[in-house]
Amino acid sequence: MGEAKRRKAALGDKYGQQKKFIPWLGLSKEQGDKFVKWTTRGAWIGISSLVIYWVTVRVIGPAFGWWQLSN
C-alpha cells in the first residue's frame, strides 16, 4: 500500500485520471481504443457493402438481363 500512497502524493490532482494517449490532441487511451473500434467496424461495413454490390452487378445483374432478353 506504500507504493500507492507515494504515487498519489507524487501525482497530486492528476491521481486517478486517465493518461493522455495523444497529449497535444487531448485524447485518452480509452478514447483512442473507441476510435479504433468504430473505424474497424466502419471498414468492415464498407467491405461488406462492396462485396454485396459486386455480387449484384457481376452475378445477379447479368442473370436478369439474360432472362429479359429471352422472353
Protein backbone atom coordinates (compact mmCIF):
# COMPACT_ATOMS: atom_id res chain seq x y z
CA MET A 1 0.00 0.00 0.00
CA GLY A 2 3.00 2.31 0.46
CA GLU A 3 3.58 2.48 -3.31
CA ALA A 4 0.03 3.69 -3.96
CA LYS A 5 0.37 6.44 -1.34
CA ARG A 6 3.71 7.54 -2.79
CA ARG A 7 2.22 7.65 -6.30
CA LYS A 8 -0.79 9.63 -5.04
CA ALA A 9 1.47 12.13 -3.33
CA ALA A 10 3.66 12.48 -6.42
CA LEU A 11 0.79 12.95 -8.89
CA GLY A 12 -1.35 15.20 -6.70
CA ASP A 13 -4.51 16.29 -8.54
CA LYS A 14 -3.76 14.06 -11.53
CA TYR A 15 -4.02 10.87 -9.44
CA GLY A 16 -6.77 8.57 -10.74
CA GLN A 17 -7.20 10.38 -14.05
CA GLN A 18 -6.61 8.59 -17.31
CA LYS A 19 -3.30 9.09 -19.03
CA LYS A 20 -3.46 11.04 -22.28
CA PHE A 21 -2.76 8.90 -25.34
CA ILE A 22 -2.02 11.88 -27.58
CA PRO A 23 -1.31 14.78 -25.20
CA TRP A 24 -1.38 17.58 -27.80
CA LEU A 25 -4.78 16.36 -29.07
CA GLY A 26 -6.24 15.64 -25.66
CA LEU A 27 -7.26 12.04 -26.33
CA SER A 28 -7.17 9.48 -23.57
CA LYS A 29 -6.21 5.88 -24.20
CA GLU A 30 -9.86 4.79 -23.79
CA GLN A 31 -10.99 7.30 -26.42
CA GLY A 32 -8.27 6.06 -28.78
CA ASP A 33 -9.44 2.48 -28.32
CA LYS A 34 -13.05 3.50 -29.06
CA PHE A 35 -11.91 5.30 -32.24
CA VAL A 36 -10.08 2.20 -33.45
CA LYS A 37 -13.14 0.05 -32.66
CA TRP A 38 -15.52 2.30 -34.61
CA THR A 39 -13.22 2.75 -37.61
CA THR A 40 -12.63 -1.02 -37.79
CA ARG A 41 -16.40 -1.62 -37.71
CA GLY A 42 -16.88 1.01 -40.44
CA ALA A 43 -14.22 -0.59 -42.60
CA TRP A 44 -15.91 -4.00 -42.35
CA ILE A 45 -19.27 -2.45 -43.23
CA GLY A 46 -17.66 -0.85 -46.28
CA ILE A 47 -16.01 -4.11 -47.36
CA SER A 48 -19.30 -5.99 -46.94
CA SER A 49 -21.18 -3.37 -48.94
CA LEU A 50 -18.60 -3.59 -51.72
CA VAL A 51 -18.89 -7.39 -51.86
CA ILE A 52 -22.70 -7.22 -51.98
CA TYR A 53 -22.55 -4.60 -54.75
CA TRP A 54 -20.01 -6.66 -56.71
CA VAL A 55 -22.14 -9.83 -56.45
CA THR A 56 -25.21 -7.87 -57.55
CA VAL A 57 -23.52 -6.34 -60.59
CA ARG A 58 -21.48 -9.38 -61.58
CA VAL A 59 -23.92 -12.25 -60.94
CA ILE A 60 -27.48 -11.08 -60.40
CA GLY A 61 -27.48 -8.27 -62.97
CA PRO A 62 -26.47 -10.38 -65.97
CA ALA A 63 -28.87 -13.15 -64.91
CA PHE A 64 -31.83 -10.74 -65.01
CA GLY A 65 -30.61 -9.30 -68.30
CA TRP A 66 -30.47 -12.73 -69.91
CA TRP A 67 -33.94 -13.60 -68.62
CA GLN A 68 -35.42 -10.39 -70.01
CA LEU A 69 -33.86 -10.85 -73.47
CA SER A 70 -35.05 -14.44 -73.84
CA ASN A 71 -38.75 -13.58 -73.30
